[in-house]
Amino acid sequence: MADRPQAYPYASFVAGLLFAAGLTISGMTRPEKVLAFLTVGADWDPSLLLVMGAAVPVHALAWMLLRNQRAPLLGGEVPDMPAPVFNVRLLGGAGLFGVGWGIAGVCPGPAIVSLAAGGGALFFVPAMLAGIALSRVVAQTPATEERLLGVRP
């Protein structure tokens, strides 16, 4: 990491602030707003579709611009586009994430912003960190998928 310019930590801080501001302004740090989006019915709040609808083209544009660069502005290497992976781990992780999001109305980014702002994520963030630690232990166990699910990874 010695090859990164001195501006790297400042740029990272500004990017984090921008992300936190976007989550806060959009209402994604308020579980009741997220749950109103996830609950399709008479009280459904579709406004978070605008957040997702704006994020996808921005991300696609960033990948397109980054692909043509020799190196990122703040050092490092341009990563290769990840290969599409569709397996049991992806389905299980997405399912767990969706169930947790649906129950709590909170996902990791907004939870950290909410915690930093003194919000109600005091129980969610430690549980999330415990889940991350547990997933790493399970991932290091040989043949976890084959043993638990009867399939090869």
N, C-alpha and C. Protein backbone atom coordinates (compact mmCIF):
# COMPACT_ATOMS: atom_id res chain seq x y z
N MET A 1 0.80 -1.19 0.00
CA MET A 1 0.00 0.00 0.00
C MET A 1 0.85 1.26 0.00
N ALA A 2 2.15 1.07 -0.07
CA ALA A 2 3.04 2.22 -0.07
C ALA A 2 2.97 2.99 -1.39
N ASP A 3 2.43 2.37 -2.45
CA ASP A 3 2.38 3.04 -3.73
C ASP A 3 1.16 3.97 -3.89
N ARG A 4 0.33 4.07 -2.86
CA ARG A 4 -0.84 4.95 -2.94
C ARG A 4 -0.44 6.38 -2.61
N PRO A 5 -1.03 7.34 -3.32
CA PRO A 5 -0.71 8.75 -3.04
C PRO A 5 -1.26 9.17 -1.68
N GLN A 6 -0.75 10.29 -1.20
CA GLN A 6 -1.18 10.80 0.11
C GLN A 6 -2.65 11.16 0.13
N ALA A 7 -3.25 11.42 -1.02
CA ALA A 7 -4.66 11.80 -1.09
C ALA A 7 -5.60 10.63 -0.84
N TYR A 8 -5.09 9.40 -0.86
CA TYR A 8 -5.93 8.21 -0.74
C TYR A 8 -6.83 8.22 0.50
N PRO A 9 -6.29 8.45 1.71
CA PRO A 9 -7.19 8.42 2.88
C PRO A 9 -8.24 9.53 2.83
N TYR A 10 -7.88 10.68 2.29
CA TYR A 10 -8.85 11.78 2.20
C TYR A 10 -9.95 11.45 1.20
N ALA A 11 -9.55 10.89 0.07
CA ALA A 11 -10.54 10.50 -0.94
C ALA A 11 -11.46 9.41 -0.39
N SER A 12 -10.89 8.48 0.35
CA SER A 12 -11.69 7.42 0.96
C SER A 12 -12.68 8.00 1.96
N PHE A 13 -12.23 8.94 2.75
CA PHE A 13 -13.10 9.58 3.74
C PHE A 13 -14.24 10.32 3.05
N VAL A 14 -13.93 11.08 2.01
CA VAL A 14 -14.95 11.83 1.27
C VAL A 14 -15.94 10.86 0.61
N ALA A 15 -15.44 9.77 0.03
CA ALA A 15 -16.33 8.78 -0.57
C ALA A 15 -17.26 8.17 0.48
N GLY A 16 -16.72 7.87 1.65
CA GLY A 16 -17.54 7.34 2.74
C GLY A 16 -18.60 8.33 3.20
N LEU A 17 -18.21 9.60 3.31
CA LEU A 17 -19.19 10.63 3.69
C LEU A 17 -20.29 10.76 2.65
N LEU A 18 -19.91 10.74 1.38
CA LEU A 18 -20.90 10.82 0.30
C LEU A 18 -21.87 9.64 0.35
N PHE A 19 -21.32 8.46 0.57
CA PHE A 19 -22.14 7.26 0.66
C PHE A 19 -23.10 7.36 1.85
N ALA A 20 -22.57 7.77 3.00
CA ALA A 20 -23.40 7.92 4.20
C ALA A 20 -24.49 8.96 3.98
N ALA A 21 -24.15 10.06 3.35
CA ALA A 21 -25.14 11.10 3.08
C ALA A 21 -26.23 10.57 2.14
N GLY A 22 -25.83 9.84 1.11
CA GLY A 22 -26.81 9.27 0.19
C GLY A 22 -27.76 8.30 0.88
N LEU A 23 -27.21 7.45 1.75
CA LEU A 23 -28.06 6.50 2.48
C LEU A 23 -29.02 7.23 3.41
N THR A 24 -28.52 8.27 4.06
CA THR A 24 -29.35 9.02 5.00
C THR A 24 -30.44 9.79 4.27
N ILE A 25 -30.07 10.51 3.21
CA ILE A 25 -31.04 11.30 2.45
C ILE A 25 -32.11 10.41 1.83
N SER A 26 -31.71 9.24 1.33
CA SER A 26 -32.68 8.35 0.68
C SER A 26 -33.61 7.67 1.68
N GLY A 27 -33.25 7.69 2.95
CA GLY A 27 -34.07 7.04 3.97
C GLY A 27 -33.69 5.61 4.25
N MET A 28 -32.60 5.13 3.65
CA MET A 28 -32.23 3.73 3.84
C MET A 28 -31.70 3.43 5.24
N THR A 29 -31.45 4.45 6.04
CA THR A 29 -31.03 4.23 7.42
C THR A 29 -32.23 4.12 8.36
N ARG A 30 -33.42 4.30 7.82
CA ARG A 30 -34.65 4.19 8.62
C ARG A 30 -35.33 2.86 8.32
N PRO A 31 -35.27 1.90 9.25
CA PRO A 31 -35.84 0.58 9.00
C PRO A 31 -37.31 0.63 8.58
N GLU A 32 -38.08 1.56 9.13
CA GLU A 32 -39.49 1.61 8.78
C GLU A 32 -39.69 1.96 7.29
N LYS A 33 -38.81 2.77 6.73
CA LYS A 33 -38.89 3.10 5.30
C LYS A 33 -38.53 1.88 4.46
N VAL A 34 -37.49 1.17 4.86
CA VAL A 34 -37.07 -0.03 4.13
C VAL A 34 -38.17 -1.09 4.19
N LEU A 35 -38.74 -1.29 5.38
CA LEU A 35 -39.80 -2.28 5.52
C LEU A 35 -41.04 -1.88 4.71
N ALA A 36 -41.32 -0.56 4.61
CA ALA A 36 -42.45 -0.10 3.79
C ALA A 36 -42.18 -0.40 2.31
N PHE A 37 -40.91 -0.39 1.91
CA PHE A 37 -40.55 -0.74 0.54
C PHE A 37 -40.69 -2.25 0.31
N LEU A 38 -40.26 -3.04 1.30
CA LEU A 38 -40.28 -4.49 1.15
C LEU A 38 -41.67 -5.09 1.32
N THR A 39 -42.60 -4.35 1.90
CA THR A 39 -43.95 -4.84 2.13
C THR A 39 -44.85 -4.36 1.00
N VAL A 40 -45.09 -5.23 0.04
CA VAL A 40 -45.92 -4.88 -1.10
C VAL A 40 -47.38 -4.99 -0.67
N GLY A 41 -48.09 -3.92 -0.84
CA GLY A 41 -49.51 -3.88 -0.46
C GLY A 41 -50.00 -2.45 -0.56
N ALA A 42 -51.04 -2.16 0.17
CA ALA A 42 -51.65 -0.82 0.11
C ALA A 42 -50.70 0.27 0.58
N ASP A 43 -49.83 -0.03 1.54
CA ASP A 43 -48.92 0.98 2.09
C ASP A 43 -47.52 0.90 1.48
N TRP A 44 -47.38 0.25 0.34
CA TRP A 44 -46.07 0.06 -0.28
C TRP A 44 -45.45 1.40 -0.64
N ASP A 45 -44.17 1.56 -0.32
CA ASP A 45 -43.42 2.79 -0.63
C ASP A 45 -42.36 2.46 -1.68
N PRO A 46 -42.59 2.78 -2.94
CA PRO A 46 -41.66 2.40 -4.00
C PRO A 46 -40.48 3.36 -4.16
N SER A 47 -40.33 4.34 -3.28
CA SER A 47 -39.31 5.38 -3.48
C SER A 47 -37.87 4.84 -3.47
N LEU A 48 -37.62 3.72 -2.81
CA LEU A 48 -36.26 3.18 -2.81
C LEU A 48 -35.88 2.59 -4.17
N LEU A 49 -36.86 2.37 -5.03
CA LEU A 49 -36.54 1.95 -6.40
C LEU A 49 -35.72 3.02 -7.10
N LEU A 50 -35.95 4.29 -6.77
CA LEU A 50 -35.18 5.38 -7.36
C LEU A 50 -33.71 5.29 -6.95
N VAL A 51 -33.47 4.90 -5.69
CA VAL A 51 -32.09 4.76 -5.21
C VAL A 51 -31.40 3.65 -5.99
N MET A 52 -32.04 2.50 -6.09
CA MET A 52 -31.44 1.39 -6.83
C MET A 52 -31.34 1.72 -8.31
N GLY A 53 -32.38 2.36 -8.84
CA GLY A 53 -32.38 2.72 -10.25
C GLY A 53 -31.27 3.70 -10.61
N ALA A 54 -30.87 4.54 -9.67
CA ALA A 54 -29.77 5.47 -9.91
C ALA A 54 -28.42 4.79 -9.71
N ALA A 55 -28.34 3.84 -8.78
CA ALA A 55 -27.06 3.20 -8.47
C ALA A 55 -26.56 2.29 -9.60
N VAL A 56 -27.46 1.58 -10.24
CA VAL A 56 -27.05 0.62 -11.27
C VAL A 56 -26.36 1.31 -12.45
N PRO A 57 -26.93 2.37 -13.05
CA PRO A 57 -26.22 3.00 -14.16
C PRO A 57 -24.91 3.69 -13.74
N VAL A 58 -24.87 4.24 -12.53
CA VAL A 58 -23.62 4.86 -12.06
C VAL A 58 -22.54 3.80 -11.94
N HIS A 59 -22.87 2.65 -11.39
CA HIS A 59 -21.90 1.56 -11.25
C HIS A 59 -21.45 1.06 -12.63
N ALA A 60 -22.40 0.90 -13.55
CA ALA A 60 -22.06 0.44 -14.90
C ALA A 60 -21.14 1.44 -15.60
N LEU A 61 -21.42 2.73 -15.45
CA LEU A 61 -20.59 3.76 -16.06
C LEU A 61 -19.19 3.75 -15.45
N ALA A 62 -19.11 3.58 -14.13
CA ALA A 62 -17.80 3.53 -13.48
C ALA A 62 -16.97 2.36 -14.01
N TRP A 63 -17.58 1.18 -14.20
CA TRP A 63 -16.86 0.04 -14.75
C TRP A 63 -16.39 0.32 -16.17
N MET A 64 -17.27 0.96 -16.96
CA MET A 64 -16.90 1.26 -18.36
C MET A 64 -15.71 2.22 -18.41
N LEU A 65 -15.73 3.24 -17.57
CA LEU A 65 -14.64 4.21 -17.56
C LEU A 65 -13.36 3.59 -17.01
N LEU A 66 -13.48 2.77 -15.99
CA LEU A 66 -12.32 2.16 -15.35
C LEU A 66 -11.62 1.16 -16.27
N ARG A 67 -12.41 0.47 -17.08
CA ARG A 67 -11.83 -0.52 -17.99
C ARG A 67 -10.80 0.07 -18.93
N ASN A 68 -10.98 1.33 -19.31
CA ASN A 68 -10.09 1.97 -20.28
C ASN A 68 -8.89 2.66 -19.63
N GLN A 69 -8.77 2.58 -18.33
CA GLN A 69 -7.66 3.21 -17.61
C GLN A 69 -6.52 2.20 -17.41
N ARG A 70 -5.31 2.71 -17.43
CA ARG A 70 -4.16 1.84 -17.14
C ARG A 70 -4.07 1.56 -15.66
N ALA A 71 -4.42 2.56 -14.84
CA ALA A 71 -4.38 2.39 -13.39
C ALA A 71 -5.36 3.37 -12.76
N PRO A 72 -5.92 3.04 -11.61
CA PRO A 72 -6.80 3.97 -10.92
C PRO A 72 -6.04 5.24 -10.52
N LEU A 73 -6.76 6.34 -10.38
CA LEU A 73 -6.13 7.61 -10.04
C LEU A 73 -5.38 7.57 -8.72
N LEU A 74 -5.87 6.80 -7.77
CA LEU A 74 -5.25 6.77 -6.45
C LEU A 74 -4.39 5.53 -6.24
N GLY A 75 -3.91 4.94 -7.32
CA GLY A 75 -2.98 3.82 -7.21
C GLY A 75 -3.66 2.47 -7.24
N GLY A 76 -2.86 1.45 -7.23
CA GLY A 76 -3.37 0.09 -7.28
C GLY A 76 -3.52 -0.38 -8.71
N GLU A 77 -4.32 -1.40 -8.90
CA GLU A 77 -4.55 -1.96 -10.22
C GLU A 77 -6.04 -1.96 -10.52
N VAL A 78 -6.36 -1.90 -11.80
CA VAL A 78 -7.76 -2.02 -12.21
C VAL A 78 -8.13 -3.49 -12.08
N PRO A 79 -9.14 -3.80 -11.28
CA PRO A 79 -9.51 -5.22 -11.12
C PRO A 79 -10.18 -5.75 -12.37
N ASP A 80 -10.05 -7.05 -12.57
CA ASP A 80 -10.78 -7.69 -13.67
C ASP A 80 -12.26 -7.74 -13.30
N MET A 81 -13.10 -7.73 -14.32
CA MET A 81 -14.53 -7.88 -14.08
C MET A 81 -14.74 -9.26 -13.49
N PRO A 82 -15.43 -9.35 -12.37
CA PRO A 82 -15.61 -10.68 -11.76
C PRO A 82 -16.42 -11.60 -12.66
N ALA A 83 -16.03 -12.87 -12.65
CA ALA A 83 -16.76 -13.87 -13.43
C ALA A 83 -18.10 -14.13 -12.75
N PRO A 84 -19.15 -14.31 -13.53
CA PRO A 84 -20.45 -14.60 -12.91
C PRO A 84 -20.40 -15.95 -12.19
N VAL A 85 -20.86 -15.95 -10.97
CA VAL A 85 -20.87 -17.16 -10.16
C VAL A 85 -22.30 -17.39 -9.69
N PHE A 86 -22.81 -18.56 -9.93
CA PHE A 86 -24.15 -18.90 -9.47
C PHE A 86 -24.06 -20.28 -8.85
N ASN A 87 -24.01 -20.31 -7.52
CA ASN A 87 -23.86 -21.58 -6.85
C ASN A 87 -24.65 -21.58 -5.54
N VAL A 88 -24.51 -22.63 -4.76
CA VAL A 88 -25.25 -22.79 -3.52
C VAL A 88 -24.88 -21.68 -2.52
N ARG A 89 -23.61 -21.32 -2.47
CA ARG A 89 -23.19 -20.27 -1.55
C ARG A 89 -23.86 -18.94 -1.88
N LEU A 90 -23.92 -18.62 -3.16
CA LEU A 90 -24.58 -17.38 -3.58
C LEU A 90 -26.06 -17.41 -3.19
N LEU A 91 -26.74 -18.49 -3.51
CA LEU A 91 -28.16 -18.59 -3.19
C LEU A 91 -28.40 -18.55 -1.69
N GLY A 92 -27.59 -19.28 -0.94
CA GLY A 92 -27.74 -19.29 0.52
C GLY A 92 -27.46 -17.93 1.13
N GLY A 93 -26.39 -17.30 0.69
CA GLY A 93 -26.06 -15.97 1.21
C GLY A 93 -27.11 -14.94 0.86
N ALA A 94 -27.59 -14.97 -0.38
CA ALA A 94 -28.64 -14.03 -0.80
C ALA A 94 -29.91 -14.28 -0.01
N GLY A 95 -30.23 -15.54 0.21
CA GLY A 95 -31.43 -15.87 1.00
C GLY A 95 -31.33 -15.37 2.43
N LEU A 96 -30.18 -15.62 3.06
CA LEU A 96 -29.98 -15.14 4.43
C LEU A 96 -30.02 -13.62 4.51
N PHE A 97 -29.37 -12.97 3.55
CA PHE A 97 -29.38 -11.51 3.50
C PHE A 97 -30.81 -11.01 3.36
N GLY A 98 -31.57 -11.59 2.44
CA GLY A 98 -32.94 -11.15 2.21
C GLY A 98 -33.84 -11.35 3.41
N VAL A 99 -33.72 -12.49 4.06
CA VAL A 99 -34.52 -12.75 5.27
C VAL A 99 -34.15 -11.75 6.37
N GLY A 100 -32.85 -11.54 6.56
CA GLY A 100 -32.42 -10.58 7.59
C GLY A 100 -32.88 -9.17 7.28
N TRP A 101 -32.78 -8.77 6.01
CA TRP A 101 -33.21 -7.44 5.59
C TRP A 101 -34.72 -7.29 5.79
N GLY A 102 -35.46 -8.34 5.46
CA GLY A 102 -36.91 -8.30 5.62
C GLY A 102 -37.37 -8.26 7.06
N ILE A 103 -36.63 -8.93 7.94
CA ILE A 103 -36.99 -8.94 9.36
C ILE A 103 -36.60 -7.63 10.04
N ALA A 104 -35.37 -7.18 9.80
CA ALA A 104 -34.85 -6.01 10.52
C ALA A 104 -35.06 -4.70 9.78
N GLY A 105 -35.17 -4.76 8.45
CA GLY A 105 -35.27 -3.53 7.67
C GLY A 105 -33.95 -2.78 7.60
N VAL A 106 -32.86 -3.51 7.85
CA VAL A 106 -31.53 -2.90 7.89
C VAL A 106 -30.57 -3.79 7.12
N CYS A 107 -29.67 -3.17 6.35
CA CYS A 107 -28.58 -3.93 5.73
C CYS A 107 -27.26 -3.29 6.16
N PRO A 108 -26.12 -3.91 5.86
CA PRO A 108 -24.84 -3.50 6.46
C PRO A 108 -24.46 -2.04 6.32
N GLY A 109 -24.49 -1.48 5.12
CA GLY A 109 -24.08 -0.08 4.95
C GLY A 109 -24.91 0.89 5.78
N PRO A 110 -26.23 0.87 5.61
CA PRO A 110 -27.06 1.75 6.43
C PRO A 110 -26.95 1.48 7.92
N ALA A 111 -26.70 0.24 8.32
CA ALA A 111 -26.56 -0.06 9.75
C ALA A 111 -25.34 0.64 10.34
N ILE A 112 -24.24 0.64 9.61
CA ILE A 112 -23.02 1.30 10.09
C ILE A 112 -23.23 2.81 10.15
N VAL A 113 -23.90 3.37 9.12
CA VAL A 113 -24.21 4.81 9.14
C VAL A 113 -25.11 5.13 10.32
N SER A 114 -26.13 4.30 10.53
CA SER A 114 -27.06 4.51 11.64
C SER A 114 -26.35 4.41 12.98
N LEU A 115 -25.44 3.45 13.10
CA LEU A 115 -24.69 3.28 14.34
C LEU A 115 -23.81 4.50 14.60
N ALA A 116 -23.14 4.99 13.57
CA ALA A 116 -22.27 6.16 13.72
C ALA A 116 -23.08 7.40 14.07
N ALA A 117 -24.33 7.45 13.61
CA ALA A 117 -25.18 8.62 13.88
C ALA A 117 -25.97 8.44 15.18
N GLY A 118 -25.70 7.38 15.91
CA GLY A 118 -26.40 7.14 17.17
C GLY A 118 -27.76 6.49 16.98
N GLY A 119 -27.92 5.79 15.86
CA GLY A 119 -29.20 5.16 15.55
C GLY A 119 -29.40 3.85 16.28
N GLY A 120 -30.41 3.13 15.85
CA GLY A 120 -30.82 1.92 16.54
C GLY A 120 -30.17 0.65 16.06
N ALA A 121 -28.99 0.70 15.53
CA ALA A 121 -28.33 -0.51 15.02
C ALA A 121 -27.40 -1.13 16.05
N LEU A 122 -27.60 -0.81 17.32
CA LEU A 122 -26.71 -1.30 18.37
C LEU A 122 -26.69 -2.82 18.48
N PHE A 123 -27.79 -3.48 18.13
CA PHE A 123 -27.83 -4.93 18.17
C PHE A 123 -27.49 -5.53 16.82
N PHE A 124 -27.86 -4.84 15.76
CA PHE A 124 -27.66 -5.37 14.41
C PHE A 124 -26.18 -5.47 14.05
N VAL A 125 -25.41 -4.42 14.31
CA VAL A 125 -24.00 -4.41 13.88
C VAL A 125 -23.20 -5.51 14.57
N PRO A 126 -23.30 -5.70 15.91
CA PRO A 126 -22.58 -6.83 16.51
C PRO A 126 -23.03 -8.19 15.96
N ALA A 127 -24.34 -8.34 15.71
CA ALA A 127 -24.83 -9.59 15.13
C ALA A 127 -24.28 -9.78 13.72
N MET A 128 -24.19 -8.71 12.95
CA MET A 128 -23.63 -8.77 11.60
C MET A 128 -22.16 -9.19 11.66
N LEU A 129 -21.40 -8.59 12.57
CA LEU A 129 -19.99 -8.94 12.70
C LEU A 129 -19.81 -10.39 13.13
N ALA A 130 -20.68 -10.87 14.01
CA ALA A 130 -20.62 -12.28 14.42
C ALA A 130 -20.94 -13.19 13.24
N GLY A 131 -21.91 -12.80 12.42
CA GLY A 131 -22.25 -13.57 11.22
C GLY A 131 -21.10 -13.62 10.23
N ILE A 132 -20.40 -12.49 10.07
CA ILE A 132 -19.24 -12.46 9.17
C ILE A 132 -18.16 -13.40 9.69
N ALA A 133 -17.89 -13.35 10.99
CA ALA A 133 -16.88 -14.23 11.58
C ALA A 133 -17.28 -15.69 11.41
N LEU A 134 -18.55 -16.00 11.66
CA LEU A 134 -19.02 -17.38 11.51
C LEU A 134 -18.92 -17.85 10.06
N SER A 135 -19.24 -16.97 9.11
CA SER A 135 -19.15 -17.37 7.71
C SER A 135 -17.72 -17.66 7.30
N ARG A 136 -16.78 -16.94 7.88
CA ARG A 136 -15.36 -17.20 7.57
C ARG A 136 -14.92 -18.54 8.13
N VAL A 137 -15.40 -18.88 9.32
CA VAL A 137 -15.07 -20.17 9.91
C VAL A 137 -15.66 -21.29 9.06
N VAL A 138 -16.91 -21.14 8.65
CA VAL A 138 -17.57 -22.16 7.84
C VAL A 138 -16.88 -22.28 6.48
N ALA A 139 -16.49 -21.14 5.89
CA ALA A 139 -15.84 -21.17 4.58
C ALA A 139 -14.49 -21.87 4.63
N GLN A 140 -13.82 -21.84 5.78
CA GLN A 140 -12.51 -22.48 5.90
C GLN A 140 -12.63 -23.97 6.17
N THR A 141 -13.82 -24.43 6.51
CA THR A 141 -14.03 -25.84 6.76
C THR A 141 -14.06 -26.56 5.42
N PRO A 142 -13.22 -27.59 5.25
CA PRO A 142 -13.17 -28.29 3.96
C PRO A 142 -14.51 -28.91 3.58
N ALA A 143 -14.86 -28.75 2.34
CA ALA A 143 -16.04 -29.40 1.75
C ALA A 143 -17.33 -29.10 2.51
N THR A 144 -17.48 -27.88 3.00
CA THR A 144 -18.67 -27.51 3.77
C THR A 144 -19.93 -27.71 2.94
N GLU A 145 -19.94 -27.21 1.70
CA GLU A 145 -21.14 -27.33 0.87
C GLU A 145 -21.47 -28.79 0.57
N GLU A 146 -20.43 -29.55 0.25
CA GLU A 146 -20.67 -30.95 -0.09
C GLU A 146 -21.24 -31.71 1.11
N ARG A 147 -20.68 -31.45 2.28
CA ARG A 147 -21.11 -32.15 3.48
C ARG A 147 -22.51 -31.72 3.90
N LEU A 148 -22.79 -30.41 3.91
CA LEU A 148 -24.07 -29.92 4.40
C LEU A 148 -25.20 -30.08 3.39
N LEU A 149 -24.88 -29.87 2.12
CA LEU A 149 -25.93 -29.81 1.11
C LEU A 149 -25.90 -30.94 0.11
N GLY A 150 -24.87 -31.76 0.15
CA GLY A 150 -24.80 -32.87 -0.79
C GLY A 150 -24.46 -32.44 -2.20
N VAL A 151 -23.83 -31.27 -2.36
CA VAL A 151 -23.43 -30.80 -3.69
C VAL A 151 -21.97 -30.39 -3.67
N ARG A 152 -21.37 -30.40 -4.82
CA ARG A 152 -19.98 -29.96 -4.93
C ARG A 152 -19.96 -28.47 -5.26
N PRO A 153 -19.03 -27.69 -4.61
CA PRO A 153 -18.95 -26.24 -4.90
C PRO A 153 -18.48 -25.97 -6.30
